[in-house]
């Protein structure tokens, strides 16, 4: 319960920061979601191309794929 309250305080602070910085929080979250979906889908496809599933890969292996996707999404 205490951690929920702290989380709520953090979210409130972030929304206030966005407002003061002329950031549209909904748009910012939408962009982040799109990046995540692209990167995760890339990881799944690359894992399948290697004959693997993400659920059986190590964190190090997944991080390599995540960083590859991250580089691609910067283009």
Protein backbone atom coordinates (compact mmCIF):
# COMPACT_ATOMS: atom_id res chain seq x y z
CA UNK A 1 0.00 0.00 0.00
CA UNK A 2 2.83 2.42 0.81
CA UNK A 3 4.54 1.68 -2.49
CA UNK A 4 1.27 2.35 -4.33
CA UNK A 5 1.09 5.76 -2.73
CA UNK A 6 4.67 6.51 -3.70
CA UNK A 7 3.98 5.35 -7.25
CA UNK A 8 0.95 7.64 -7.41
CA UNK A 9 3.06 10.55 -6.17
CA UNK A 10 5.66 9.81 -8.83
CA UNK A 11 3.04 9.71 -11.59
CA UNK A 12 1.52 12.95 -10.36
CA UNK A 13 4.95 14.60 -10.41
CA UNK A 14 5.66 13.33 -13.93
CA UNK A 15 2.34 14.66 -15.24
CA UNK A 16 3.02 18.02 -13.61
CA UNK A 17 6.52 18.09 -15.13
CA UNK A 18 5.01 17.31 -18.55
CA UNK A 19 2.47 20.11 -18.15
CA UNK A 20 5.15 22.63 -17.19
CA UNK A 21 7.36 21.48 -20.08
CA UNK A 22 4.59 21.62 -22.71
CA UNK A 23 4.80 17.86 -23.21
CA UNK A 24 1.66 15.96 -24.18
CA UNK A 25 1.88 12.95 -21.83
CA UNK A 26 -0.54 10.89 -23.91
CA UNK A 27 1.51 11.45 -27.06
CA UNK A 28 4.76 10.72 -25.20
CA UNK A 29 3.35 7.43 -23.88
CA UNK A 30 1.98 6.50 -27.31
CA UNK A 31 5.41 7.03 -28.90
CA UNK A 32 7.07 4.95 -26.20
CA UNK A 33 4.54 2.15 -26.68
CA UNK A 34 5.19 2.13 -30.43
CA UNK A 35 8.94 1.89 -29.85
CA UNK A 36 8.45 -0.96 -27.40
CA UNK A 37 6.15 -2.87 -29.76
CA UNK A 38 8.61 -2.46 -32.65
CA UNK A 39 11.55 -3.61 -30.55
CA UNK A 40 9.75 -6.56 -28.97
CA UNK A 41 8.37 -7.72 -32.32
CA UNK A 42 11.86 -7.48 -33.78
CA UNK A 43 13.20 -9.62 -30.93
CA UNK A 44 10.53 -12.27 -31.48
CA UNK A 45 11.22 -12.41 -35.22
CA UNK A 46 14.98 -12.60 -34.78
CA UNK A 47 14.66 -15.30 -32.14
CA UNK A 48 12.40 -17.32 -34.45
CA UNK A 49 14.91 -16.87 -37.29
CA UNK A 50 17.50 -18.42 -34.97
CA UNK A 51 15.14 -21.29 -34.16
CA UNK A 52 14.60 -20.01 -30.62
CA UNK A 53 11.85 -18.57 -28.47
CA UNK A 54 12.33 -15.58 -26.20
CA UNK A 55 11.19 -17.66 -23.23
CA UNK A 56 14.20 -19.96 -23.63
CA UNK A 57 16.80 -17.27 -24.28
CA UNK A 58 19.13 -15.83 -21.66
CA UNK A 59 18.86 -12.20 -20.65
CA UNK A 60 22.18 -11.54 -22.39
CA UNK A 61 20.87 -13.02 -25.65
CA UNK A 62 17.69 -10.97 -25.42
CA UNK A 63 19.65 -7.82 -24.65
CA UNK A 64 21.65 -8.26 -27.86
CA UNK A 65 18.41 -8.41 -29.85
CA UNK A 66 16.93 -5.47 -27.93
CA UNK A 67 19.99 -3.34 -28.70
CA UNK A 68 19.83 -4.32 -32.38
CA UNK A 69 16.19 -3.24 -32.49
CA UNK A 70 17.04 -0.04 -30.67
CA UNK A 71 19.67 0.83 -33.28
CA UNK A 72 17.21 0.13 -36.09
CA UNK A 73 14.54 2.34 -34.54
CA UNK A 74 16.95 5.29 -34.43
CA UNK A 75 17.12 5.44 -38.22
